[in-house]
Protein backbone atom coordinates (compact mmCIF):
# COMPACT_ATOMS: atom_id res chain seq x y z
CA MET A 1 39.02 66.52 -14.46
CA SER A 2 36.01 64.81 -15.93
CA PRO A 3 33.36 66.61 -18.02
CA GLU A 4 30.90 66.40 -15.09
CA ASP A 5 33.22 68.30 -12.74
CA LYS A 6 32.47 71.91 -11.89
CA PRO A 7 35.02 74.50 -12.99
CA LEU A 8 36.66 76.87 -10.51
CA VAL A 9 35.76 80.54 -11.02
CA TRP A 10 38.37 82.76 -9.32
CA LEU A 11 36.98 86.14 -8.23
CA SER A 12 39.93 86.90 -5.95
CA GLY A 13 43.13 85.41 -4.64
CA GLU A 14 45.37 82.59 -5.71
CA ILE A 15 46.86 79.53 -4.12
CA LYS A 16 50.62 79.57 -4.56
CA THR A 17 53.89 78.94 -2.78
CA PRO A 18 54.80 81.23 -1.07
CA PRO A 19 52.95 82.35 1.00
CA LEU A 20 51.48 78.84 1.45
CA SER A 21 53.86 75.97 1.98
CA SER A 22 53.92 73.44 -0.84
CA GLU A 23 52.10 70.95 1.45
CA ALA A 24 49.31 73.45 2.18
CA ARG A 25 49.03 74.32 -1.52
CA VAL A 26 48.65 70.63 -2.39
CA GLU A 27 46.02 70.16 0.36
CA ALA A 28 44.06 73.20 -0.86
CA GLY A 29 44.18 71.87 -4.41
CA PHE A 30 43.05 68.43 -3.25
CA LEU A 31 40.09 69.84 -1.28
CA LEU A 32 39.01 72.10 -4.15
CA ARG A 33 39.30 69.18 -6.55
CA GLN A 34 37.02 67.10 -4.32
CA LEU A 35 34.43 69.89 -4.32
CA GLN A 36 34.64 70.10 -8.11
CA ALA A 37 33.89 66.37 -8.30
CA GLY A 38 30.85 66.75 -6.05
CA VAL A 39 32.33 65.22 -2.89
CA ARG A 40 30.58 66.51 0.23
CA LEU A 41 33.18 67.74 2.71
CA SER A 42 32.52 68.62 6.36
CA LEU A 43 34.31 69.97 9.40
CA PRO A 44 37.19 70.45 9.95
CA HIS A 45 37.84 71.16 6.26
CA LEU A 46 34.57 72.78 5.17
CA ARG A 47 32.53 75.14 7.33
CA PRO A 48 29.22 76.72 6.26
CA MET A 49 29.25 80.53 6.02
CA PRO A 50 25.56 81.58 6.09
CA SER A 51 26.67 85.15 6.88
CA LEU A 52 27.91 85.30 3.25
CA GLY A 53 24.86 83.71 1.71
CA ALA A 54 23.36 80.44 0.61
CA ARG A 55 25.81 77.73 -0.47
CA CYS A 56 28.79 79.70 0.89
CA TYR A 57 31.59 77.98 2.76
CA GLU A 58 35.05 78.40 4.20
CA VAL A 59 37.64 75.75 3.38
CA ARG A 60 40.32 75.59 6.04
CA VAL A 61 43.83 74.57 5.11
CA ARG A 62 46.40 74.06 7.83
CA ASP A 63 49.92 75.22 7.11
CA VAL A 64 53.17 74.92 9.06
CA ARG A 65 52.70 78.22 10.90
CA SER A 66 49.08 79.20 10.26
CA THR A 67 45.73 78.25 8.82
CA TRP A 68 44.35 79.59 5.54
CA ARG A 69 40.75 80.40 4.63
CA VAL A 70 39.40 79.83 1.15
CA MET A 71 35.98 81.49 0.97
CA LEU A 72 33.76 80.04 -1.75
CA ARG A 73 30.26 79.38 -2.99
CA ILE A 74 29.15 76.11 -4.52
CA ASP A 75 26.88 76.85 -7.48
CA ALA A 76 25.14 74.29 -9.67
CA ASP A 77 27.60 74.96 -12.48
CA ALA A 78 30.81 76.12 -10.73
CA ILE A 79 32.82 76.54 -7.55
CA VAL A 80 33.17 80.31 -7.09
CA ILE A 81 36.32 81.34 -5.17
CA LEU A 82 35.66 84.58 -3.29
CA ASP A 83 38.80 85.12 -1.23
CA ILE A 84 41.91 83.45 0.16
CA SER A 85 43.45 84.77 3.34
CA ARG A 86 45.48 83.77 6.37
CA LYS A 87 43.31 82.98 9.39
CA THR A 88 44.53 85.32 12.10
CA THR A 89 41.37 85.63 14.22
CA LYS A 90 38.68 83.27 15.46
CA GLN A 91 36.00 85.23 13.63
CA THR A 92 36.24 86.14 9.96
CA PRO A 93 37.05 89.87 9.77
CA ARG A 94 34.18 92.10 8.67
CA HIS A 95 36.14 93.60 5.77
CA VAL A 96 36.73 90.10 4.35
CA LEU A 97 33.03 89.25 4.58
CA GLU A 98 32.04 92.56 2.97
CA ALA A 99 34.52 92.08 0.12
CA CYS A 100 33.19 88.55 -0.50
CA ARG A 101 29.57 89.77 -0.54
CA ARG A 102 30.52 92.54 -2.97
CA ARG A 103 32.26 90.07 -5.30
CA LEU A 104 29.26 87.74 -5.17
CA ARG A 105 26.82 90.53 -6.04
CA ARG A 106 28.96 91.57 -9.00
CA TYR A 107 29.39 87.98 -10.17
CA ASP A 108 25.65 87.36 -9.94
CA GLU A 109 24.93 90.55 -11.89
CA LEU A 110 27.32 89.51 -14.65
CA THR A 111 26.12 85.91 -14.88
CA GLU A 112 22.37 86.48 -14.49
CA GLY A 113 20.46 84.87 -17.32
CA ARG A 114 23.27 82.56 -18.41
């Protein structure tokens, strides 16, 4: 990691094996590392999530038996990880979106004025 790279701020979840396969864990780490370095990703790996807010995205990681969602926001000074969950439906469940919004509000309250 170079000094210009953005740190990861974990508000919820973790990427580990299990439940992810080691291949999926490596892919998730690679994609997050690219975002830290400022690489612009697009579909199929990165999908905008305007329902969460500005600069919010879903990173999709394919696994042997399922796909994983890493919900995040790209701030000027950090990549904020909001949630990691198995993708079981076409649409992101409402409770996941609400939890992510709640975490973002709390994070913004705590970091305001930094």
